[in-house]
Amino acid sequence: MKILSRALFVLFIVLGMLVAVSNMQRVEVELWPLPEKIVLPLYLLIVGILLAGLVAGLVLGWWIGFWVVARTRGRWRTCSMCC
């Protein structure tokens, strides 16, 4: 298992390096309500979007899990067949 996790880690690092090297061109990002334009390398935009999606998924999963556990605990306490 340790070898597999290290191999996957190296694979993701290599893929990340390939994305960074092949997407060095600059892009201009304009966020509608803000008057400023941001110029950054394309690979930073890609990594930023992936990271934002990862964080949003983790937060959403934690939030849903919290409410499922809270609701399950409430049902367990009101169960008439419990000890």
Protein backbone atom coordinates (compact mmCIF):
# COMPACT_ATOMS: atom_id res chain seq x y z
CA MET A 1 0.00 0.00 0.00
CA LYS A 2 2.86 2.34 0.79
CA ILE A 3 4.41 1.71 -2.63
CA LEU A 4 1.08 2.39 -4.36
CA SER A 5 0.55 5.68 -2.53
CA ARG A 6 4.08 6.83 -3.37
CA ALA A 7 3.66 5.83 -7.01
CA LEU A 8 0.39 7.77 -7.24
CA PHE A 9 2.03 10.76 -5.57
CA VAL A 10 4.89 10.73 -8.09
CA LEU A 11 2.40 10.32 -10.95
CA PHE A 12 0.40 13.36 -9.81
CA ILE A 13 3.57 15.42 -9.41
CA VAL A 14 4.72 14.50 -12.92
CA LEU A 15 1.28 15.28 -14.37
CA GLY A 16 1.25 18.62 -12.55
CA MET A 17 4.69 19.47 -13.94
CA LEU A 18 3.56 18.56 -17.46
CA VAL A 19 0.49 20.80 -17.12
CA ALA A 20 2.64 23.65 -15.83
CA VAL A 21 5.25 23.35 -18.57
CA SER A 22 2.76 23.00 -21.42
CA ASN A 23 0.54 25.90 -20.29
CA MET A 24 2.95 28.74 -19.70
CA GLN A 25 1.10 31.31 -21.83
CA ARG A 26 -0.47 34.22 -20.02
CA VAL A 27 -4.22 34.68 -19.83
CA GLU A 28 -6.25 37.67 -18.79
CA VAL A 29 -9.03 37.00 -16.30
CA GLU A 30 -11.73 39.59 -15.83
CA LEU A 31 -14.16 39.19 -12.96
CA TRP A 32 -17.36 40.98 -13.92
CA PRO A 33 -18.22 43.08 -10.86
CA LEU A 34 -14.58 44.06 -10.30
CA PRO A 35 -12.95 46.65 -12.57
CA GLU A 36 -9.52 44.99 -12.43
CA LYS A 37 -8.12 42.44 -14.86
CA ILE A 38 -5.76 39.75 -13.61
CA VAL A 39 -2.98 38.44 -15.87
CA LEU A 40 -1.56 35.09 -14.80
CA PRO A 41 -0.14 31.92 -16.35
CA LEU A 42 -2.74 29.44 -17.58
CA TYR A 43 -1.43 26.65 -15.35
CA LEU A 44 -2.10 28.77 -12.24
CA LEU A 45 -5.67 29.30 -13.41
CA ILE A 46 -6.10 25.55 -13.96
CA VAL A 47 -4.62 24.64 -10.58
CA GLY A 48 -6.64 27.34 -8.85
CA ILE A 49 -9.92 26.11 -10.33
CA LEU A 50 -9.09 22.50 -9.41
CA LEU A 51 -8.17 23.53 -5.87
CA ALA A 52 -11.36 25.58 -5.47
CA GLY A 53 -13.42 22.59 -6.64
CA LEU A 54 -11.60 20.29 -4.23
CA VAL A 55 -12.17 22.61 -1.29
CA ALA A 56 -15.83 23.13 -2.22
CA GLY A 57 -16.37 19.37 -2.46
CA LEU A 58 -14.68 18.73 0.87
CA VAL A 59 -16.71 21.42 2.62
CA LEU A 60 -19.96 20.20 1.07
CA GLY A 61 -19.20 16.59 2.01
CA TRP A 62 -18.34 17.58 5.57
CA TRP A 63 -21.52 19.65 5.85
CA ILE A 64 -23.77 16.86 4.56
CA GLY A 65 -22.00 14.28 6.73
CA PHE A 66 -22.47 16.45 9.79
CA TRP A 67 -26.24 16.66 9.26
CA VAL A 68 -26.57 12.95 8.48
CA VAL A 69 -24.74 12.03 11.69
CA ALA A 70 -26.77 14.53 13.73
CA ARG A 71 -30.04 13.22 12.33
CA THR A 72 -28.98 9.59 12.88
CA ARG A 73 -28.02 10.28 16.49
CA GLY A 74 -31.40 11.90 17.06
CA ARG A 75 -33.20 8.84 15.71
CA TRP A 76 -31.06 6.53 17.83
CA ARG A 77 -32.02 8.38 21.00
CA THR A 78 -35.74 8.22 20.21
CA CYS A 79 -35.72 4.55 19.20
CA SER A 80 -38.13 2.56 21.41
CA MET A 81 -36.26 -0.73 20.90
CA CYS A 82 -33.00 0.61 22.29
CA CYS A 83 -31.69 -0.41 25.70
